[in-house]
């Protein structure tokens, strides 16, 4: 076949820079589009072999049908999560690959940065001193040492975050549906973690099972003053319940790099506009809430790894009968697949 053509959606300057560098040797034909991939924009992929997408692109069944009709053979996610892709519907229609690990340190370190900023009021102090206000009133924080942190999800990112917390002298407990054997992590039930933790940090993928795992009921079981950190997927937390939990003084602080309705807001500049999302506006207005715009992954190392792995996935797909980073709805050959059969999933 001729030169492989990639339609690259939701492209930002940092995406272009990293992928242009990574593509110097591969020499794929990449068309960068600033718009997200949706039902209205999928026609931009006409004539492409691959669509490259990010976390807020919407790959539903109608988009999948349109891509297949246009002859697109591969959906290349440049991220680890794939909850924005209808994986079940894509099965036996179009292949999907992802970047399972790009820099667990980037996300874990950002989670700790959010926590430290919150508990030591660094964001408030920064604003004050810019106005030459050196008062310490209202800036009292607390030690992390000796506090209990609950880590939900102990993949690579969760384990790195747990190690960072141990370095601060925190007591780490964790919950994972599939515990990491031999990790030395103290696993407890989700219910126990929710009850005992002073800080809860989420590092798990979004599934139908754990959507809104933080809700009115689970918040009621938490310690008064608990701090929630979410650098994973927004819909793990019911945003309306979060607002009420903060108003009721049950939740002491929230550190959010993701938000369940972020797709039309994050990665864009709305500084001169009125944001229609009242829940997000309320959260941002609260003094004990820190929101960053899904930037936990954003380091030079992570961007390089994302670009390199994504293009390696494309090369492997078109050259081999095996795609190690393929996302599969189900595999009849092997339970809990993991590409152990060493061939494409269909």
Protein backbone atom coordinates (compact mmCIF):
# COMPACT_ATOMS: atom_id res chain seq x y z
CA UNK A 1 0.00 0.00 0.00
CA UNK A 2 1.03 3.63 -0.39
CA UNK A 3 1.82 6.06 2.38
CA UNK A 4 -0.46 5.51 5.39
CA UNK A 5 -2.77 8.47 5.98
CA UNK A 6 -3.74 9.53 9.50
CA UNK A 7 -6.58 11.92 10.35
CA UNK A 8 -5.57 13.49 13.66
CA UNK A 9 -8.47 14.99 15.64
CA UNK A 10 -8.54 17.43 18.57
CA UNK A 11 -5.02 18.54 17.69
CA UNK A 12 -3.26 21.09 19.88
CA UNK A 13 0.12 22.74 19.40
CA UNK A 14 1.84 20.33 21.80
CA UNK A 15 0.30 17.38 19.90
CA UNK A 16 1.56 18.66 16.58
CA UNK A 17 5.06 19.27 17.90
CA UNK A 18 5.47 15.81 19.45
CA UNK A 19 3.93 13.91 16.53
CA UNK A 20 5.84 15.85 13.88
CA UNK A 21 9.07 14.91 15.69
CA UNK A 22 8.01 11.28 16.05
CA UNK A 23 6.95 11.14 12.39
CA UNK A 24 10.32 12.26 11.00
CA UNK A 25 11.38 8.64 10.47
CA UNK A 26 7.99 7.03 9.92
CA UNK A 27 6.87 9.63 7.37
CA UNK A 28 3.16 9.02 7.64
CA UNK A 29 0.81 11.49 5.99
CA UNK A 30 -0.83 13.21 8.97
CA UNK A 31 -3.67 15.71 8.62
CA UNK A 32 -4.14 17.66 11.86
CA UNK A 33 -7.67 18.85 12.70
CA UNK A 34 -8.40 21.11 15.66
CA UNK A 35 -11.98 19.89 15.92
CA UNK A 36 -12.98 16.85 17.95
CA UNK A 37 -14.11 13.68 16.21
CA UNK A 38 -17.90 13.58 16.34
CA UNK A 39 -20.78 12.58 14.09
CA UNK A 40 -20.60 16.04 12.52
CA UNK A 41 -16.86 16.01 11.84
CA UNK A 42 -16.06 12.39 11.00
CA UNK A 43 -16.24 13.11 7.26
CA UNK A 44 -12.90 14.88 7.64
CA UNK A 45 -11.41 11.40 7.83
CA UNK A 46 -12.40 10.64 4.23
CA UNK A 47 -9.49 8.99 2.44
CA UNK A 48 -7.63 8.18 5.67
CA UNK A 49 -6.46 4.78 6.86
CA UNK A 50 -6.32 5.76 10.55
CA UNK A 51 -8.03 8.21 12.87
CA UNK A 52 -5.98 9.36 15.85
CA UNK A 53 -8.15 10.51 18.75
CA UNK A 54 -7.96 11.73 22.34
CA UNK A 55 -10.06 11.51 25.49
CA UNK A 56 -12.91 13.83 24.48
CA UNK A 57 -13.47 12.59 20.95
CA UNK A 58 -16.81 10.81 20.69
CA UNK A 59 -16.49 7.47 18.90
CA UNK A 60 -20.03 6.16 19.14
CA UNK A 61 -21.68 3.60 16.89
CA UNK A 62 -22.71 6.16 14.27
CA UNK A 63 -19.15 7.49 14.06
CA UNK A 64 -17.84 3.91 13.83
CA UNK A 65 -20.25 3.12 10.98
CA UNK A 66 -19.17 6.26 9.13
CA UNK A 67 -15.48 5.47 9.57
CA UNK A 68 -15.94 1.89 8.35
CA UNK A 69 -17.94 3.11 5.35
CA UNK A 70 -15.08 5.47 4.45
CA UNK A 71 -12.55 2.66 4.63
CA UNK A 72 -10.82 3.72 7.85
CA UNK A 73 -9.19 0.60 9.29
CA UNK A 74 -7.83 1.70 12.64
CA UNK A 75 -8.78 3.93 15.58
CA UNK A 76 -5.54 4.94 17.31
CA UNK A 77 -6.15 6.34 20.78
CA UNK A 78 -3.30 8.52 21.99
CA UNK A 79 -4.32 7.89 25.59
CA UNK A 80 -4.81 4.97 27.96
CA UNK A 81 -8.55 5.24 28.63
CA UNK A 82 -11.09 4.17 26.02
CA UNK A 83 -14.44 4.86 27.67
CA UNK A 84 -15.23 7.33 24.85
CA UNK A 85 -15.19 4.49 22.30
CA UNK A 86 -18.07 2.04 21.87
CA UNK A 87 -15.72 -0.93 22.08
CA UNK A 88 -18.49 -3.51 21.93
CA UNK A 89 -19.92 -2.05 18.73
CA UNK A 90 -16.46 -1.67 17.18
CA UNK A 91 -15.74 -5.39 17.62
CA UNK A 92 -15.31 -7.09 14.21
CA UNK A 93 -15.85 -3.75 12.44
CA UNK A 94 -12.78 -1.63 13.14
CA UNK A 95 -9.66 -2.20 15.23
CA UNK A 96 -8.80 0.01 18.20
CA UNK A 97 -5.36 0.51 19.74
CA UNK A 98 -4.28 2.65 22.67
CA UNK A 99 -1.27 3.90 24.62
CA UNK A 100 -1.50 1.87 27.86
CA UNK A 101 1.34 3.68 29.61
CA UNK A 102 3.04 6.94 28.67
CA UNK A 103 4.30 8.34 31.96
CA UNK A 104 2.75 7.16 35.20
CA UNK A 105 5.03 9.65 36.95
CA UNK A 106 3.45 12.60 35.13
CA UNK A 107 -0.07 11.83 36.35
CA UNK A 108 0.92 10.68 39.84
CA UNK A 109 3.11 13.74 40.41
CA UNK A 110 0.31 16.04 39.25
CA UNK A 111 -2.07 14.36 41.71
CA UNK A 112 0.39 15.05 44.53
CA UNK A 113 0.91 18.61 43.29
CA UNK A 114 -2.83 19.21 43.50
CA UNK A 115 -2.95 17.73 47.01
CA UNK A 116 -0.05 19.82 48.29
CA UNK A 117 -1.43 22.96 46.66
CA UNK A 118 -4.75 22.40 48.35
CA UNK A 119 -3.65 21.47 51.87
CA UNK A 120 -0.93 24.16 52.07
CA UNK A 121 -3.04 26.87 50.36
CA UNK A 122 -0.27 27.55 47.85
CA UNK A 123 -2.66 28.82 45.19
CA UNK A 124 -4.05 31.39 47.62
CA UNK A 125 -0.61 32.47 48.81
CA UNK A 126 0.55 32.91 45.22
CA UNK A 127 -2.32 35.26 44.42
CA UNK A 128 -1.81 37.22 47.65
CA UNK A 129 1.89 37.84 47.23
CA UNK A 130 1.32 39.05 43.67
CA UNK A 131 -0.56 41.90 45.37
CA UNK A 132 2.19 42.25 48.01
CA UNK A 133 -0.17 40.85 50.62
CA UNK A 134 2.04 38.82 52.96
CA UNK A 135 -0.57 38.05 55.59
CA UNK A 136 -0.77 34.43 56.74
CA UNK A 137 -4.39 34.66 57.81
CA UNK A 138 -6.46 31.81 56.39
CA UNK A 139 -3.45 29.89 55.05
CA UNK A 140 -3.16 27.28 57.79
CA UNK A 141 -2.81 23.79 56.35
CA UNK A 142 -2.05 20.39 57.86
CA UNK A 143 0.65 17.73 57.72
CA UNK A 144 0.26 14.87 55.27
CA UNK A 145 2.54 12.77 57.47
CA UNK A 146 0.53 10.20 59.37
CA UNK A 147 -2.65 10.70 57.36
CA UNK A 148 -4.39 7.80 55.64
CA UNK A 149 -4.63 7.97 51.85
CA UNK A 150 -6.91 5.64 49.94
CA UNK A 151 -5.76 4.81 46.41
CA UNK A 152 -8.53 3.56 44.13
CA UNK A 153 -6.87 1.71 41.27
CA UNK A 154 -3.36 0.30 41.54
CA UNK A 155 -2.15 0.18 37.98
CA UNK A 156 1.15 1.86 37.19
CA UNK A 157 -0.11 5.35 38.02
CA UNK A 158 -1.80 4.29 41.25
CA UNK A 159 1.30 2.46 42.44
CA UNK A 160 3.56 5.43 41.68
CA UNK A 161 1.17 7.72 43.57
CA UNK A 162 1.16 5.29 46.50
CA UNK A 163 4.97 5.35 46.58
CA UNK A 164 4.97 9.15 46.58
CA UNK A 165 2.53 9.17 49.49
CA UNK A 166 4.70 6.71 51.41
CA UNK A 167 7.57 9.14 50.93
CA UNK A 168 5.51 11.73 52.80
CA UNK A 169 4.97 9.28 55.64
CA UNK A 170 1.33 8.64 54.82
CA UNK A 171 -0.45 5.37 55.57
CA UNK A 172 -1.52 3.93 52.22
CA UNK A 173 -4.51 1.65 51.73
CA UNK A 174 -5.88 0.68 48.36
CA UNK A 175 -8.77 -0.87 46.50
CA UNK A 176 -8.58 -2.58 43.13
CA UNK A 177 -10.85 -5.16 41.58
CA UNK A 178 -7.67 -6.88 40.39
CA UNK A 179 -5.02 -6.41 43.13
CA UNK A 180 -1.37 -6.25 42.12
CA UNK A 181 0.11 -9.45 43.49
CA UNK A 182 3.40 -9.12 45.34
CA UNK A 183 3.18 -5.32 45.41
CA UNK A 184 3.20 -5.04 49.19
CA UNK A 185 0.14 -2.79 49.00
CA UNK A 186 -2.42 -3.04 51.80
CA UNK A 187 -5.68 -3.82 50.04
CA UNK A 188 -9.05 -3.24 51.68
CA UNK A 189 -12.64 -3.23 50.45
CA UNK A 190 -13.91 -0.10 48.75
CA UNK A 191 -16.29 0.45 51.65
CA UNK A 192 -13.44 0.32 54.19
CA UNK A 193 -11.28 2.63 52.10
CA UNK A 194 -14.10 5.17 51.88
CA UNK A 195 -14.64 5.08 55.66
CA UNK A 196 -11.02 5.27 56.77
CA UNK A 197 -9.29 7.60 54.32
CA UNK A 198 -8.38 11.23 54.99
CA UNK A 199 -7.48 11.55 51.30
CA UNK A 200 -8.92 9.51 48.43
CA UNK A 201 -7.23 9.53 45.03
CA UNK A 202 -8.70 7.89 41.91
CA UNK A 203 -6.47 6.11 39.40
CA UNK A 204 -8.80 3.68 37.69
CA UNK A 205 -10.43 3.49 34.25
CA UNK A 206 -14.08 4.43 33.84
CA UNK A 207 -16.48 1.52 33.39
CA UNK A 208 -20.23 1.08 33.59
CA UNK A 209 -19.65 -0.56 36.97
CA UNK A 210 -17.78 2.31 38.62
CA UNK A 211 -19.49 5.31 37.01
CA UNK A 212 -20.42 7.73 39.82
CA UNK A 213 -18.67 5.58 42.41
CA UNK A 214 -18.53 8.83 44.37
CA UNK A 215 -22.16 9.68 44.92
CA UNK A 216 -24.51 10.87 47.64
CA UNK A 217 -24.41 7.52 49.45
CA UNK A 218 -20.64 7.00 49.37
CA UNK A 219 -19.98 10.61 50.35
CA UNK A 220 -22.14 10.09 53.43
CA UNK A 221 -19.81 7.24 54.49
CA UNK A 222 -16.63 9.31 54.18
CA UNK A 223 -14.74 11.04 56.97
CA UNK A 224 -15.74 14.62 57.59
CA UNK A 225 -13.20 16.84 55.84
CA UNK A 226 -12.01 14.17 53.37
CA UNK A 227 -10.03 15.38 50.36
CA UNK A 228 -10.85 13.90 46.96
CA UNK A 229 -8.35 13.82 44.08
CA UNK A 230 -9.37 12.78 40.58
CA UNK A 231 -6.82 12.64 37.79
CA UNK A 232 -8.48 9.67 36.09
CA UNK A 233 -11.93 10.09 34.52
CA UNK A 234 -14.50 12.72 35.47
CA UNK A 235 -17.54 10.49 35.61
CA UNK A 236 -16.10 8.49 38.50
CA UNK A 237 -17.52 11.36 40.58
CA UNK A 238 -21.11 12.56 40.49
CA UNK A 239 -20.45 16.28 40.17
CA UNK A 240 -23.82 17.32 41.62
CA UNK A 241 -23.26 15.10 44.67
CA UNK A 242 -19.76 16.55 45.01
CA UNK A 243 -21.13 20.08 45.12
CA UNK A 244 -23.62 19.11 47.81
CA UNK A 245 -20.94 17.27 49.80
CA UNK A 246 -18.75 20.38 49.78
CA UNK A 247 -21.65 22.64 50.74
CA UNK A 248 -22.49 20.30 53.64
CA UNK A 249 -18.85 20.55 54.85
CA UNK A 250 -18.53 16.78 54.49
CA UNK A 251 -15.87 17.09 51.79
CA UNK A 252 -12.99 19.27 52.91
CA UNK A 253 -11.49 19.83 49.46
CA UNK A 254 -11.62 18.54 45.90
CA UNK A 255 -8.68 18.43 43.49
CA UNK A 256 -9.95 17.76 39.99
CA UNK A 257 -8.00 17.37 36.78
CA UNK A 258 -11.04 15.81 35.11
CA UNK A 259 -14.76 16.56 35.09
CA UNK A 260 -17.63 14.41 33.85
CA UNK A 261 -18.93 17.01 31.38
CA UNK A 262 -15.53 18.28 30.32
CA UNK A 263 -15.66 17.39 26.63
CA UNK A 264 -17.07 20.73 25.45
CA UNK A 265 -15.06 22.85 27.87
CA UNK A 266 -11.59 21.49 28.61
CA UNK A 267 -8.71 22.25 26.19
CA UNK A 268 -10.43 25.46 25.06
CA UNK A 269 -10.14 29.12 26.07
CA UNK A 270 -13.44 30.42 27.44
CA UNK A 271 -11.96 33.33 29.37
CA UNK A 272 -14.04 35.81 27.36
CA UNK A 273 -17.20 33.73 27.38
CA UNK A 274 -19.88 32.64 29.81
CA UNK A 275 -19.65 28.91 30.50
CA UNK A 276 -23.08 27.31 30.38
CA UNK A 277 -22.20 24.51 32.80
CA UNK A 278 -23.56 25.75 36.14
CA UNK A 279 -22.13 22.81 38.10
CA UNK A 280 -18.61 23.42 36.84
CA UNK A 281 -18.99 27.15 37.51
CA UNK A 282 -20.06 26.42 41.10
CA UNK A 283 -17.15 24.07 41.66
CA UNK A 284 -14.59 26.55 40.34
CA UNK A 285 -16.07 29.30 42.52
CA UNK A 286 -15.57 27.27 45.70
CA UNK A 287 -12.43 28.20 47.67
CA UNK A 288 -11.59 24.59 48.54
CA UNK A 289 -11.78 23.27 44.97
CA UNK A 290 -8.88 23.22 42.53
CA UNK A 291 -9.64 22.45 38.88
CA UNK A 292 -7.01 21.88 36.22
CA UNK A 293 -7.99 21.15 32.63
CA UNK A 294 -6.97 17.51 32.15
CA UNK A 295 -3.29 18.41 32.16
CA UNK A 296 -1.92 15.70 34.45
CA UNK A 297 -0.40 13.89 31.45
CA UNK A 298 1.22 17.03 30.07
CA UNK A 299 4.98 16.58 30.39
CA UNK A 300 7.62 16.46 27.69
CA UNK A 301 8.38 12.85 28.56
CA UNK A 302 4.73 11.80 28.35
CA UNK A 303 4.12 13.61 25.06
CA UNK A 304 7.14 11.94 23.52
CA UNK A 305 6.05 8.50 24.72
CA UNK A 306 2.47 9.05 23.51
CA UNK A 307 3.61 10.05 20.02
CA UNK A 308 6.17 7.26 19.73
CA UNK A 309 3.81 4.54 20.98
CA UNK A 310 0.89 5.73 18.84
CA UNK A 311 2.93 5.63 15.65
CA UNK A 312 4.45 2.28 16.67
CA UNK A 313 0.89 0.98 17.11
CA UNK A 314 0.03 2.14 13.59
CA UNK A 315 3.17 0.57 12.13
CA UNK A 316 2.57 -2.71 13.94
CA UNK A 317 -1.05 -2.89 12.86
CA UNK A 318 -0.30 -2.54 9.17
CA UNK A 319 2.86 -4.67 9.17
CA UNK A 320 2.05 -7.51 11.56
CA UNK A 321 -0.72 -9.93 12.40
CA UNK A 322 -0.43 -8.86 16.02
CA UNK A 323 -1.24 -5.58 17.79
CA UNK A 324 0.02 -5.70 21.37
CA UNK A 325 -1.93 -2.58 22.37
CA UNK A 326 -5.22 -3.53 20.74
CA UNK A 327 -8.38 -2.92 22.76
CA UNK A 328 -10.70 -5.87 22.44
CA UNK A 329 -14.34 -6.20 23.48
CA UNK A 330 -13.99 -9.91 24.01
CA UNK A 331 -11.62 -12.63 22.94
CA UNK A 332 -12.91 -16.19 22.46
CA UNK A 333 -9.42 -17.64 22.59
CA UNK A 334 -8.21 -16.39 25.96
CA UNK A 335 -10.04 -15.32 29.11
CA UNK A 336 -9.03 -11.78 30.17
CA UNK A 337 -7.19 -11.65 26.84
CA UNK A 338 -4.23 -9.28 27.15
CA UNK A 339 -3.32 -10.27 23.57
CA UNK A 340 -1.87 -13.53 24.89
CA UNK A 341 -2.95 -15.20 21.64
CA UNK A 342 -0.46 -12.90 19.84
CA UNK A 343 -2.63 -12.05 16.87
CA UNK A 344 -5.20 -9.42 16.02
CA UNK A 345 -8.44 -9.74 17.94
CA UNK A 346 -10.48 -10.38 14.79
